[in-house]
């Protein structure tokens, strides 16, 4: 069960980070109508600083995906090598 949850988290982080990074890098951020009720929030997100912040969040998501796949590989290798001190 943990492998399924970790796999789903990995794909979510990887896909979300790639999508957010691509949208921010190409300046294709589309905000919902609710965000335009406060124009200063919408303008802050669409500014270069906001795009940089979104790129940073995308990078953090990609690093999170890397950590998830690293942990999954570690668990799989520990299970196959029958390492008693690393086996959960």
PDB file of N, CA and C in Angstrom:
ATOM      1  N   UNK A   1       0.826  -1.197   0.000  1.00  0.00           N
ATOM      2  CA  UNK A   1       0.000   0.000   0.000  1.00  0.00           C
ATOM      3  C   UNK A   1       0.867   1.258   0.000  1.00  0.00           C
ATOM      4  N   UNK A   2       1.975   1.221   0.737  1.00  0.00           N
ATOM      5  CA  UNK A   2       2.828   2.408   0.767  1.00  0.00           C
ATOM      6  C   UNK A   2       3.469   2.671  -0.589  1.00  0.00           C
ATOM      7  N   UNK A   3       3.727   1.617  -1.345  1.00  0.00           N
ATOM      8  CA  UNK A   3       4.306   1.808  -2.674  1.00  0.00           C
ATOM      9  C   UNK A   3       3.318   2.517  -3.593  1.00  0.00           C
ATOM     10  N   UNK A   4       2.045   2.209  -3.465  1.00  0.00           N
ATOM     11  CA  UNK A   4       1.034   2.857  -4.294  1.00  0.00           C
ATOM     12  C   UNK A   4       0.917   4.336  -3.917  1.00  0.00           C
ATOM     13  N   UNK A   5       0.915   4.621  -2.629  1.00  0.00           N
ATOM     14  CA  UNK A   5       0.818   6.009  -2.173  1.00  0.00           C
ATOM     15  C   UNK A   5       2.059   6.791  -2.587  1.00  0.00           C
ATOM     16  N   UNK A   6       3.229   6.208  -2.406  1.00  0.00           N
ATOM     17  CA  UNK A   6       4.467   6.888  -2.807  1.00  0.00           C
ATOM     18  C   UNK A   6       4.534   7.078  -4.318  1.00  0.00           C
ATOM     19  N   UNK A   7       4.075   6.095  -5.066  1.00  0.00           N
ATOM     20  CA  UNK A   7       4.052   6.220  -6.518  1.00  0.00           C
ATOM     21  C   UNK A   7       3.116   7.329  -6.974  1.00  0.00           C
ATOM     22  N   UNK A   8       1.936   7.400  -6.363  1.00  0.00           N
ATOM     23  CA  UNK A   8       0.995   8.471  -6.707  1.00  0.00           C
ATOM     24  C   UNK A   8       1.565   9.833  -6.337  1.00  0.00           C
ATOM     25  N   UNK A   9       2.209   9.927  -5.170  1.00  0.00           N
ATOM     26  CA  UNK A   9       2.817  11.188  -4.750  1.00  0.00           C
ATOM     27  C   UNK A   9       3.949  11.593  -5.688  1.00  0.00           C
ATOM     28  N   UNK A  10       4.731  10.605  -6.131  1.00  0.00           N
ATOM     29  CA  UNK A  10       5.812  10.879  -7.070  1.00  0.00           C
ATOM     30  C   UNK A  10       5.273  11.451  -8.375  1.00  0.00           C
ATOM     31  N   UNK A  11       4.261  10.800  -8.958  1.00  0.00           N
ATOM     32  CA  UNK A  11       3.715  11.280 -10.219  1.00  0.00           C
ATOM     33  C   UNK A  11       3.033  12.631 -10.068  1.00  0.00           C
ATOM     34  N   UNK A  12       2.360  12.855  -8.921  1.00  0.00           N
ATOM     35  CA  UNK A  12       1.724  14.149  -8.679  1.00  0.00           C
ATOM     36  C   UNK A  12       2.774  15.251  -8.606  1.00  0.00           C
ATOM     37  N   UNK A  13       3.830  15.025  -7.840  1.00  0.00           N
ATOM     38  CA  UNK A  13       4.873  16.038  -7.698  1.00  0.00           C
ATOM     39  C   UNK A  13       5.608  16.274  -9.014  1.00  0.00           C
ATOM     40  N   UNK A  14       5.914  15.206  -9.719  1.00  0.00           N
ATOM     41  CA  UNK A  14       6.628  15.354 -10.980  1.00  0.00           C
ATOM     42  C   UNK A  14       5.778  16.080 -12.012  1.00  0.00           C
ATOM     43  N   UNK A  15       4.531  15.647 -12.180  1.00  0.00           N
ATOM     44  CA  UNK A  15       3.664  16.267 -13.173  1.00  0.00           C
ATOM     45  C   UNK A  15       3.351  17.708 -12.797  1.00  0.00           C
ATOM     46  N   UNK A  16       3.034  17.953 -11.545  1.00  0.00           N
ATOM     47  CA  UNK A  16       2.708  19.304 -11.096  1.00  0.00           C
ATOM     48  C   UNK A  16       3.891  20.251 -11.208  1.00  0.00           C
ATOM     49  N   UNK A  17       5.064  19.775 -10.850  1.00  0.00           N
ATOM     50  CA  UNK A  17       6.257  20.617 -10.965  1.00  0.00           C
ATOM     51  C   UNK A  17       6.585  20.942 -12.406  1.00  0.00           C
ATOM     52  N   UNK A  18       6.461  19.949 -13.281  1.00  0.00           N
ATOM     53  CA  UNK A  18       6.736  20.199 -14.694  1.00  0.00           C
ATOM     54  C   UNK A  18       5.698  21.153 -15.295  1.00  0.00           C
ATOM     55  N   UNK A  19       4.433  20.971 -14.966  1.00  0.00           N
ATOM     56  CA  UNK A  19       3.387  21.838 -15.493  1.00  0.00           C
ATOM     57  C   UNK A  19       3.550  23.263 -14.985  1.00  0.00           C
ATOM     58  N   UNK A  20       3.736  23.428 -13.684  1.00  0.00           N
ATOM     59  CA  UNK A  20       3.878  24.759 -13.114  1.00  0.00           C
ATOM     60  C   UNK A  20       5.129  25.456 -13.639  1.00  0.00           C
ATOM     61  N   UNK A  21       6.221  24.723 -13.738  1.00  0.00           N
ATOM     62  CA  UNK A  21       7.449  25.299 -14.262  1.00  0.00           C
ATOM     63  C   UNK A  21       7.319  25.721 -15.708  1.00  0.00           C
ATOM     64  N   UNK A  22       6.676  24.902 -16.520  1.00  0.00           N
ATOM     65  CA  UNK A  22       6.484  25.239 -17.933  1.00  0.00           C
ATOM     66  C   UNK A  22       5.575  26.449 -18.086  1.00  0.00           C
ATOM     67  N   UNK A  23       4.489  26.484 -17.343  1.00  0.00           N
ATOM     68  CA  UNK A  23       3.571  27.614 -17.435  1.00  0.00           C
ATOM     69  C   UNK A  23       4.223  28.908 -16.969  1.00  0.00           C
ATOM     70  N   UNK A  24       4.988  28.844 -15.881  1.00  0.00           N
ATOM     71  CA  UNK A  24       5.644  30.051 -15.370  1.00  0.00           C
ATOM     72  C   UNK A  24       6.757  30.504 -16.298  1.00  0.00           C
ATOM     73  N   UNK A  25       7.516  29.580 -16.845  1.00  0.00           N
ATOM     74  CA  UNK A  25       8.629  29.951 -17.718  1.00  0.00           C
ATOM     75  C   UNK A  25       8.135  30.569 -19.019  1.00  0.00           C
ATOM     76  N   UNK A  26       7.007  30.098 -19.534  1.00  0.00           N
ATOM     77  CA  UNK A  26       6.469  30.610 -20.790  1.00  0.00           C
ATOM     78  C   UNK A  26       5.439  31.712 -20.597  1.00  0.00           C
ATOM     79  N   UNK A  27       5.273  32.179 -19.362  1.00  0.00           N
ATOM     80  CA  UNK A  27       4.340  33.260 -19.019  1.00  0.00           C
ATOM     81  C   UNK A  27       2.918  32.934 -19.472  1.00  0.00           C
ATOM     82  N   UNK A  28       2.470  31.730 -19.175  1.00  0.00           N
ATOM     83  CA  UNK A  28       1.126  31.289 -19.541  1.00  0.00           C
ATOM     84  C   UNK A  28       0.260  31.037 -18.315  1.00  0.00           C
ATOM     85  N   UNK A  29       0.541  31.737 -17.239  1.00  0.00           N
ATOM     86  CA  UNK A  29      -0.228  31.562 -16.004  1.00  0.00           C
ATOM     87  C   UNK A  29      -1.614  32.176 -16.197  1.00  0.00           C
ATOM     88  N   UNK A  30      -2.638  31.373 -15.982  1.00  0.00           N
ATOM     89  CA  UNK A  30      -4.022  31.832 -16.055  1.00  0.00           C
ATOM     90  C   UNK A  30      -4.610  31.729 -14.654  1.00  0.00           C
ATOM     91  N   UNK A  31      -5.108  32.837 -14.176  1.00  0.00           N
ATOM     92  CA  UNK A  31      -5.659  32.879 -12.831  1.00  0.00           C
ATOM     93  C   UNK A  31      -7.178  32.782 -12.886  1.00  0.00           C
ATOM     94  N   UNK A  32      -7.780  32.136 -11.887  1.00  0.00           N
ATOM     95  CA  UNK A  32      -9.244  32.053 -11.862  1.00  0.00           C
ATOM     96  C   UNK A  32      -9.861  33.425 -11.563  1.00  0.00           C
ATOM     97  N   UNK A  33     -11.137  33.537 -11.822  1.00  0.00           N
ATOM     98  CA  UNK A  33     -11.850  34.804 -11.615  1.00  0.00           C
ATOM     99  C   UNK A  33     -11.791  35.260 -10.166  1.00  0.00           C
ATOM    100  N   UNK A  34     -11.728  34.332  -9.244  1.00  0.00           N
ATOM    101  CA  UNK A  34     -11.674  34.696  -7.830  1.00  0.00           C
ATOM    102  C   UNK A  34     -10.423  35.515  -7.518  1.00  0.00           C
ATOM    103  N   UNK A  35      -9.307  35.212  -8.173  1.00  0.00           N
ATOM    104  CA  UNK A  35      -8.068  35.952  -7.925  1.00  0.00           C
ATOM    105  C   UNK A  35      -8.162  37.391  -8.413  1.00  0.00           C
ATOM    106  N   UNK A  36      -8.999  37.659  -9.402  1.00  0.00           N
ATOM    107  CA  UNK A  36      -9.111  39.016  -9.941  1.00  0.00           C
ATOM    108  C   UNK A  36      -9.993  39.912  -9.091  1.00  0.00           C
ATOM    109  N   UNK A  37     -10.603  39.364  -8.049  1.00  0.00           N
ATOM    110  CA  UNK A  37     -11.338  40.220  -7.106  1.00  0.00           C
ATOM    111  C   UNK A  37     -10.371  41.083  -6.309  1.00  0.00           C
ATOM    112  N   UNK A  38      -9.160  40.592  -6.148  1.00  0.00           N
ATOM    113  CA  UNK A  38      -8.088  41.354  -5.522  1.00  0.00           C
ATOM    114  C   UNK A  38      -7.011  41.564  -6.590  1.00  0.00           C
ATOM    115  N   UNK A  39      -7.092  42.652  -7.337  1.00  0.00           N
ATOM    116  CA  UNK A  39      -6.184  42.835  -8.479  1.00  0.00           C
ATOM    117  C   UNK A  39      -4.713  42.862  -8.083  1.00  0.00           C
ATOM    118  N   UNK A  40      -4.394  43.310  -6.883  1.00  0.00           N
ATOM    119  CA  UNK A  40      -2.987  43.357  -6.480  1.00  0.00           C
ATOM    120  C   UNK A  40      -2.415  41.956  -6.325  1.00  0.00           C
ATOM    121  N   UNK A  41      -3.241  40.976  -5.935  1.00  0.00           N
ATOM    122  CA  UNK A  41      -2.774  39.588  -5.831  1.00  0.00           C
ATOM    123  C   UNK A  41      -2.510  39.025  -7.226  1.00  0.00           C
ATOM    124  N   UNK A  42      -3.426  39.283  -8.139  1.00  0.00           N
ATOM    125  CA  UNK A  42      -3.263  38.778  -9.503  1.00  0.00           C
ATOM    126  C   UNK A  42      -2.050  39.411 -10.174  1.00  0.00           C
ATOM    127  N   UNK A  43      -1.844  40.698  -9.966  1.00  0.00           N
ATOM    128  CA  UNK A  43      -0.693  41.365 -10.569  1.00  0.00           C
ATOM    129  C   UNK A  43       0.613  40.889  -9.934  1.00  0.00           C
ATOM    130  N   UNK A  44       0.582  40.589  -8.648  1.00  0.00           N
ATOM    131  CA  UNK A  44       1.794  40.086  -7.977  1.00  0.00           C
ATOM    132  C   UNK A  44       2.182  38.714  -8.506  1.00  0.00           C
ATOM    133  N   UNK A  45       1.205  37.867  -8.774  1.00  0.00           N
ATOM    134  CA  UNK A  45       1.496  36.531  -9.301  1.00  0.00           C
ATOM    135  C   UNK A  45       2.009  36.617 -10.736  1.00  0.00           C
ATOM    136  N   UNK A  46       1.481  37.566 -11.508  1.00  0.00           N
ATOM    137  CA  UNK A  46       1.883  37.687 -12.904  1.00  0.00           C
ATOM    138  C   UNK A  46       3.140  38.522 -13.102  1.00  0.00           C
ATOM    139  N   UNK A  47       3.665  39.114 -12.042  1.00  0.00           N
ATOM    140  CA  UNK A  47       4.889  39.910 -12.146  1.00  0.00           C
ATOM    141  C   UNK A  47       6.101  38.978 -12.270  1.00  0.00           C
ATOM    142  N   UNK A  48       7.264  39.514 -12.646  1.00  0.00           N
ATOM    143  CA  UNK A  48       8.468  38.668 -12.707  1.00  0.00           C
ATOM    144  C   UNK A  48       8.819  38.027 -11.368  1.00  0.00           C
ATOM    145  N   UNK A  49       8.583  38.730 -10.276  1.00  0.00           N
ATOM    146  CA  UNK A  49       8.848  38.141  -8.963  1.00  0.00           C
ATOM    147  C   UNK A  49       7.903  36.983  -8.681  1.00  0.00           C
ATOM    148  N   UNK A  50       6.652  37.143  -9.052  1.00  0.00           N
ATOM    149  CA  UNK A  50       5.682  36.064  -8.865  1.00  0.00           C
ATOM    150  C   UNK A  50       6.009  34.857  -9.727  1.00  0.00           C
ATOM    151  N   UNK A  51       6.424  35.112 -10.964  1.00  0.00           N
ATOM    152  CA  UNK A  51       6.827  34.006 -11.832  1.00  0.00           C
ATOM    153  C   UNK A  51       8.053  33.303 -11.281  1.00  0.00           C
ATOM    154  N   UNK A  52       8.982  34.071 -10.728  1.00  0.00           N
ATOM    155  CA  UNK A  52      10.158  33.455 -10.100  1.00  0.00           C
ATOM    156  C   UNK A  52       9.769  32.601  -8.904  1.00  0.00           C
ATOM    157  N   UNK A  53       8.817  33.084  -8.118  1.00  0.00           N
ATOM    158  CA  UNK A  53       8.329  32.303  -6.980  1.00  0.00           C
ATOM    159  C   UNK A  53       7.671  31.011  -7.450  1.00  0.00           C
ATOM    160  N   UNK A  54       6.882  31.091  -8.519  1.00  0.00           N
ATOM    161  CA  UNK A  54       6.254  29.886  -9.067  1.00  0.00           C
ATOM    162  C   UNK A  54       7.300  28.915  -9.616  1.00  0.00           C
ATOM    163  N   UNK A  55       8.346  29.436 -10.236  1.00  0.00           N
ATOM    164  CA  UNK A  55       9.428  28.561 -10.704  1.00  0.00           C
ATOM    165  C   UNK A  55      10.137  27.900  -9.525  1.00  0.00           C
ATOM    166  N   UNK A  56      10.292  28.618  -8.430  1.00  0.00           N
ATOM    167  CA  UNK A  56      10.888  28.030  -7.232  1.00  0.00           C
ATOM    168  C   UNK A  56      10.017  26.929  -6.644  1.00  0.00           C
ATOM    169  N   UNK A  57       8.712  27.146  -6.628  1.00  0.00           N
ATOM    170  CA  UNK A  57       7.796  26.105  -6.149  1.00  0.00           C
ATOM    171  C   UNK A  57       7.861  24.887  -7.062  1.00  0.00           C
ATOM    172  N   UNK A  58       7.948  25.125  -8.377  1.00  0.00           N
ATOM    173  CA  UNK A  58       8.062  24.015  -9.324  1.00  0.00           C
ATOM    174  C   UNK A  58       9.354  23.237  -9.102  1.00  0.00           C
ATOM    175  N   UNK A  59      10.446  23.940  -8.831  1.00  0.00           N
ATOM    176  CA  UNK A  59      11.720  23.263  -8.555  1.00  0.00           C
ATOM    177  C   UNK A  59      11.629  22.449  -7.267  1.00  0.00           C
ATOM    178  N   UNK A  60      10.960  22.994  -6.257  1.00  0.00           N
ATOM    179  CA  UNK A  60      10.794  22.254  -5.003  1.00  0.00           C
ATOM    180  C   UNK A  60       9.942  21.003  -5.222  1.00  0.00           C
ATOM    181  N   UNK A  61       8.929  21.099  -6.062  1.00  0.00           N
ATOM    182  CA  UNK A  61       8.111  19.926  -6.362  1.00  0.00           C
ATOM    183  C   UNK A  61       8.923  18.875  -7.105  1.00  0.00           C
ATOM    184  N   UNK A  62       9.777  19.308  -8.033  1.00  0.00           N
ATOM    185  CA  UNK A  62      10.618  18.353  -8.763  1.00  0.00           C
ATOM    186  C   UNK A  62      11.612  17.680  -7.823  1.00  0.00           C
ATOM    187  N   UNK A  63      12.177  18.433  -6.882  1.00  0.00           N
ATOM    188  CA  UNK A  63      13.080  17.825  -5.897  1.00  0.00           C
ATOM    189  C   UNK A  63      12.330  16.872  -4.976  1.00  0.00           C
ATOM    190  N   UNK A  64      11.089  17.206  -4.647  1.00  0.00           N
ATOM    191  CA  UNK A  64      10.261  16.295  -3.853  1.00  0.00           C
ATOM    192  C   UNK A  64       9.986  15.000  -4.590  1.00  0.00           C
ATOM    193  N   UNK A  65       9.759  15.103  -5.900  1.00  0.00           N
ATOM    194  CA  UNK A  65       9.557  13.894  -6.709  1.00  0.00           C
ATOM    195  C   UNK A  65      10.831  13.055  -6.731  1.00  0.00           C
ATOM    196  N   UNK A  66      11.976  13.707  -6.830  1.00  0.00           N
ATOM    197  CA  UNK A  66      13.250  12.986  -6.798  1.00  0.00           C
ATOM    198  C   UNK A  66      13.440  12.277  -5.464  1.00  0.00           C
ATOM    199  N   UNK A  67      13.086  12.941  -4.377  1.00  0.00           N
ATOM    200  CA  UNK A  67      13.210  12.311  -3.055  1.00  0.00           C
ATOM    201  C   UNK A  67      12.264  11.119  -2.929  1.00  0.00           C
ATOM    202  N   UNK A  68      11.057  11.236  -3.481  1.00  0.00           N
ATOM    203  CA  UNK A  68      10.108  10.123  -3.422  1.00  0.00           C
ATOM    204  C   UNK A  68      10.619   8.914  -4.194  1.00  0.00           C
ATOM    205  N   UNK A  69      11.120   9.131  -5.403  1.00  0.00           N
ATOM    206  CA  UNK A  69      11.598   7.997  -6.184  1.00  0.00           C
ATOM    207  C   UNK A  69      12.850   7.409  -5.540  1.00  0.00           C
ATOM    208  N   UNK A  70      13.664   8.225  -4.905  1.00  0.00           N
ATOM    209  CA  UNK A  70      14.849   7.734  -4.189  1.00  0.00           C
ATOM    210  C   UNK A  70      14.416   6.836  -3.027  1.00  0.00           C
ATOM    211  N   UNK A  71      13.427   7.275  -2.287  1.00  0.00           N
ATOM    212  CA  UNK A  71      12.932   6.490  -1.151  1.00  0.00           C
ATOM    213  C   UNK A  71      12.278   5.191  -1.615  1.00  0.00           C
ATOM    214  N   UNK A  72      11.544   5.238  -2.726  1.00  0.00           N
ATOM    215  CA  UNK A  72      10.928   4.015  -3.251  1.00  0.00           C
ATOM    216  C   UNK A  72      11.992   3.025  -3.687  1.00  0.00           C
ATOM    217  N   UNK A  73      13.017   3.503  -4.366  1.00  0.00           N
ATOM    218  CA  UNK A  73      14.094   2.610  -4.807  1.00  0.00           C
ATOM    219  C   UNK A  73      14.835   2.035  -3.603  1.00  0.00           C
ATOM    220  N   UNK A  74      15.033   2.839  -2.572  1.00  0.00           N
ATOM    221  CA  UNK A  74      15.709   2.357  -1.366  1.00  0.00           C
ATOM    222  C   UNK A  74      14.898   1.252  -0.695  1.00  0.00           C
ATOM    223  N   UNK A  75      13.593   1.431  -0.597  1.00  0.00           N
ATOM    224  CA  UNK A  75      12.745   0.402   0.008  1.00  0.00           C
ATOM    225  C   UNK A  75      12.730  -0.882  -0.817  1.00  0.00           C
ATOM    226  N   UNK A  76      12.677  -0.742  -2.132  1.00  0.00           N
ATOM    227  CA  UNK A  76      12.670  -1.920  -2.999  1.00  0.00           C
ATOM    228  C   UNK A  76      13.985  -2.672  -2.886  1.00  0.00           C
ATOM    229  N   UNK A  77      15.101  -1.941  -2.902  1.00  0.00           N
ATOM    230  CA  UNK A  77      16.401  -2.600  -2.786  1.00  0.00           C
ATOM    231  C   UNK A  77      16.593  -3.242  -1.417  1.00  0.00           C
ATOM    232  N   UNK A  78      16.109  -2.597  -0.362  1.00  0.00           N
ATOM    233  CA  UNK A  78      16.214  -3.184   0.973  1.00  0.00           C
ATOM    234  C   UNK A  78      15.380  -4.460   1.073  1.00  0.00           C
ATOM    235  N   UNK A  79      14.247  -4.468   0.412  1.00  0.00           N
ATOM    236  CA  UNK A  79      13.399  -5.660   0.453  1.00  0.00           C
ATOM    237  C   UNK A  79      14.045  -6.819  -0.306  1.00  0.00           C
ATOM    238  N   UNK A  80      14.652  -6.537  -1.471  1.00  0.00           N
ATOM    239  CA  UNK A  80      15.241  -7.600  -2.266  1.00  0.00           C
ATOM    240  C   UNK A  80      16.577  -8.091  -1.715  1.00  0.00           C
ATOM    241  N   UNK A  81      17.312  -7.236  -1.026  1.00  0.00           N
ATOM    242  CA  UNK A  81      18.595  -7.664  -0.468  1.00  0.00           C
ATOM    243  C   UNK A  81      18.434  -8.270   0.921  1.00  0.00           C
ATOM    244  N   UNK A  82      17.237  -8.186   1.475  1.00  0.00           N
ATOM    245  CA  UNK A  82      16.939  -8.740   2.800  1.00  0.00           C
ATOM    246  C   UNK A  82      17.861  -8.145   3.860  1.00  0.00           C
ATOM    247  N   UNK A  83      18.068  -6.848   3.786  1.00  0.00           N
ATOM    248  CA  UNK A  83      18.879  -6.132   4.774  1.00  0.00           C
ATOM    249  C   UNK A  83      18.046  -5.952   6.030  1.00  0.00           C
ATOM    250  N   UNK A  84      18.389  -6.603   7.157  1.00  0.00           N
ATOM    251  CA  UNK A  84      17.531  -6.567   8.332  1.00  0.00           C
ATOM    252  C   UNK A  84      17.469  -5.200   8.993  1.00  0.00           C
ATOM    253  N   UNK A  85      18.506  -4.394   8.926  1.00  0.00           N
ATOM    254  CA  UNK A  85      18.472  -3.114   9.619  1.00  0.00           C
ATOM    255  C   UNK A  85      17.767  -2.033   8.812  1.00  0.00           C
ATOM    256  N   UNK A  86      17.530  -2.249   7.521  1.00  0.00           N
ATOM    257  CA  UNK A  86      16.874  -1.251   6.685  1.00  0.00           C
ATOM    258  C   UNK A  86      15.469  -1.662   6.285  1.00  0.00           C
ATOM    259  N   UNK A  87      15.099  -2.885   6.583  1.00  0.00           N
ATOM    260  CA  UNK A  87      13.783  -3.386   6.193  1.00  0.00           C
ATOM    261  C   UNK A  87      12.714  -2.790   7.126  1.00  0.00           C
ATOM    262  N   UNK A  88      11.679  -2.158   6.559  1.00  0.00           N
ATOM    263  CA  UNK A  88      10.658  -1.534   7.439  1.00  0.00           C
ATOM    264  C   UNK A  88       9.809  -2.527   8.167  1.00  0.00           C
TER     265      UNK A  88
END
